[in-house]
Amino acid sequence: MERVISADRPEWVPVFTGLSVPVFRKLVRVVARRGGEQTGSGRRWGLSLADRVLLVAVYYRTNLTFRQVALLFGISKSAAGRVVDHL
């Protein structure tokens, strides 16, 4: 699946989250400090931490379903659910 939005393209951050780019970057740093990068002994995440934070922000801001958010990020519906549960 092809990714439509990504934290690598900052122009999408305010559109989908309502956050300014500097505030979003600060949020990513806070999540990283609080253990957002930890995976335990399992597989690594397919998305970067910034993309996972963006996914969660998009999910809560837009009220889209996991299936719809998953399409935007090029991942499966179940992977989108795991990202939201983990963060």
C-alpha atoms as a PDB file:
ATOM      1  CA  MET A   1       0.000   0.000   0.000  1.00  0.00           C
ATOM      2  CA  GLU A   2       1.169   3.506  -0.726  1.00  0.00           C
ATOM      3  CA  ARG A   3       1.343   6.041   2.071  1.00  0.00           C
ATOM      4  CA  VAL A   4      -0.702   9.192   1.446  1.00  0.00           C
ATOM      5  CA  ILE A   5       0.318  11.282   4.447  1.00  0.00           C
ATOM      6  CA  SER A   6       3.510  11.241   6.465  1.00  0.00           C
ATOM      7  CA  ALA A   7       5.204  13.336   9.127  1.00  0.00           C
ATOM      8  CA  ASP A   8       8.030  13.769   6.588  1.00  0.00           C
ATOM      9  CA  ARG A   9       5.708  16.159   4.739  1.00  0.00           C
ATOM     10  CA  PRO A  10       4.979  18.850   7.349  1.00  0.00           C
ATOM     11  CA  GLU A  11       2.318  20.548   5.231  1.00  0.00           C
ATOM     12  CA  TRP A  12      -0.075  17.712   6.156  1.00  0.00           C
ATOM     13  CA  VAL A  13       0.359  18.087   9.924  1.00  0.00           C
ATOM     14  CA  PRO A  14      -1.858  21.167  10.481  1.00  0.00           C
ATOM     15  CA  VAL A  15      -4.422  20.023   7.913  1.00  0.00           C
ATOM     16  CA  PHE A  16      -5.091  16.667   9.571  1.00  0.00           C
ATOM     17  CA  THR A  17      -4.274  17.401  13.228  1.00  0.00           C
ATOM     18  CA  GLY A  18      -4.962  21.079  13.857  1.00  0.00           C
ATOM     19  CA  LEU A  19      -1.492  21.347  15.424  1.00  0.00           C
ATOM     20  CA  SER A  20       1.236  23.650  14.193  1.00  0.00           C
ATOM     21  CA  VAL A  21       4.409  21.914  13.011  1.00  0.00           C
ATOM     22  CA  PRO A  22       6.512  23.104  16.015  1.00  0.00           C
ATOM     23  CA  VAL A  23       3.852  21.886  18.474  1.00  0.00           C
ATOM     24  CA  PHE A  24       3.647  18.544  16.653  1.00  0.00           C
ATOM     25  CA  ARG A  25       7.445  18.113  16.811  1.00  0.00           C
ATOM     26  CA  LYS A  26       7.360  18.895  20.541  1.00  0.00           C
ATOM     27  CA  LEU A  27       4.629  16.267  20.981  1.00  0.00           C
ATOM     28  CA  VAL A  28       6.805  13.682  19.197  1.00  0.00           C
ATOM     29  CA  ARG A  29       9.732  14.504  21.517  1.00  0.00           C
ATOM     30  CA  VAL A  30       7.506  14.133  24.602  1.00  0.00           C
ATOM     31  CA  VAL A  31       6.184  10.761  23.394  1.00  0.00           C
ATOM     32  CA  ALA A  32       9.757   9.602  22.667  1.00  0.00           C
ATOM     33  CA  ARG A  33      10.874  10.606  26.172  1.00  0.00           C
ATOM     34  CA  ARG A  34       7.985   8.697  27.713  1.00  0.00           C
ATOM     35  CA  GLY A  35       8.868   5.463  25.952  1.00  0.00           C
ATOM     36  CA  GLY A  36       7.015   5.672  22.644  1.00  0.00           C
ATOM     37  CA  GLU A  37       9.911   4.052  20.782  1.00  0.00           C
ATOM     38  CA  GLN A  38       9.962   0.931  22.943  1.00  0.00           C
ATOM     39  CA  THR A  39       8.942  -2.237  21.166  1.00  0.00           C
ATOM     40  CA  GLY A  40       9.823  -4.850  23.749  1.00  0.00           C
ATOM     41  CA  SER A  41      11.040  -8.094  22.260  1.00  0.00           C
ATOM     42  CA  GLY A  42       8.698  -8.052  19.260  1.00  0.00           C
ATOM     43  CA  ARG A  43       8.937  -6.732  15.744  1.00  0.00           C
ATOM     44  CA  ARG A  44       9.924  -3.161  15.012  1.00  0.00           C
ATOM     45  CA  TRP A  45       7.208  -0.730  14.002  1.00  0.00           C
ATOM     46  CA  GLY A  46       6.664  -0.249  10.276  1.00  0.00           C
ATOM     47  CA  LEU A  47       6.098   3.489  10.792  1.00  0.00           C
ATOM     48  CA  SER A  48       8.462   5.986  12.375  1.00  0.00           C
ATOM     49  CA  LEU A  49       7.537   7.414  15.776  1.00  0.00           C
ATOM     50  CA  ALA A  50       6.559  10.720  14.151  1.00  0.00           C
ATOM     51  CA  ASP A  51       4.247   8.889  11.732  1.00  0.00           C
ATOM     52  CA  ARG A  52       2.696   6.904  14.588  1.00  0.00           C
ATOM     53  CA  VAL A  53       2.051  10.092  16.585  1.00  0.00           C
ATOM     54  CA  LEU A  54       0.571  11.647  13.445  1.00  0.00           C
ATOM     55  CA  LEU A  55      -1.650   8.591  12.948  1.00  0.00           C
ATOM     56  CA  VAL A  56      -3.010   8.848  16.496  1.00  0.00           C
ATOM     57  CA  ALA A  57      -3.590  12.599  16.152  1.00  0.00           C
ATOM     58  CA  VAL A  58      -5.370  12.095  12.821  1.00  0.00           C
ATOM     59  CA  TYR A  59      -7.495   9.300  14.284  1.00  0.00           C
ATOM     60  CA  TYR A  60      -8.695  11.374  17.236  1.00  0.00           C
ATOM     61  CA  ARG A  61      -9.026  14.678  15.364  1.00  0.00           C
ATOM     62  CA  THR A  62     -10.922  13.404  12.311  1.00  0.00           C
ATOM     63  CA  ASN A  63     -12.981  10.593  13.844  1.00  0.00           C
ATOM     64  CA  LEU A  64     -12.104   8.375  10.861  1.00  0.00           C
ATOM     65  CA  THR A  65     -12.287   4.600  11.247  1.00  0.00           C
ATOM     66  CA  PHE A  66      -9.155   2.453  11.584  1.00  0.00           C
ATOM     67  CA  ARG A  67      -9.761   1.253   8.036  1.00  0.00           C
ATOM     68  CA  GLN A  68      -9.775   4.828   6.688  1.00  0.00           C
ATOM     69  CA  VAL A  69      -6.731   5.921   8.705  1.00  0.00           C
ATOM     70  CA  ALA A  70      -4.873   2.776   7.657  1.00  0.00           C
ATOM     71  CA  LEU A  71      -5.388   3.650   3.990  1.00  0.00           C
ATOM     72  CA  LEU A  72      -3.911   7.116   4.559  1.00  0.00           C
ATOM     73  CA  PHE A  73      -0.777   5.634   6.134  1.00  0.00           C
ATOM     74  CA  GLY A  74      -0.404   2.604   3.867  1.00  0.00           C
ATOM     75  CA  ILE A  75      -0.815   0.027   6.637  1.00  0.00           C
ATOM     76  CA  SER A  76      -3.428  -2.541   7.609  1.00  0.00           C
ATOM     77  CA  LYS A  77      -6.487  -1.788   9.727  1.00  0.00           C
ATOM     78  CA  SER A  78      -5.171  -3.992  12.528  1.00  0.00           C
ATOM     79  CA  ALA A  79      -1.767  -2.246  12.471  1.00  0.00           C
ATOM     80  CA  ALA A  80      -3.518   1.128  12.814  1.00  0.00           C
ATOM     81  CA  GLY A  81      -5.395  -0.223  15.824  1.00  0.00           C
ATOM     82  CA  ARG A  82      -2.158  -1.465  17.404  1.00  0.00           C
ATOM     83  CA  VAL A  83      -0.538   1.956  16.948  1.00  0.00           C
ATOM     84  CA  VAL A  84      -3.439   3.710  18.679  1.00  0.00           C
ATOM     85  CA  ASP A  85      -3.468   1.130  21.495  1.00  0.00           C
ATOM     86  CA  HIS A  86       0.298   1.403  22.041  1.00  0.00           C
ATOM     87  CA  LEU A  87       0.572   5.179  22.086  1.00  0.00           C
END
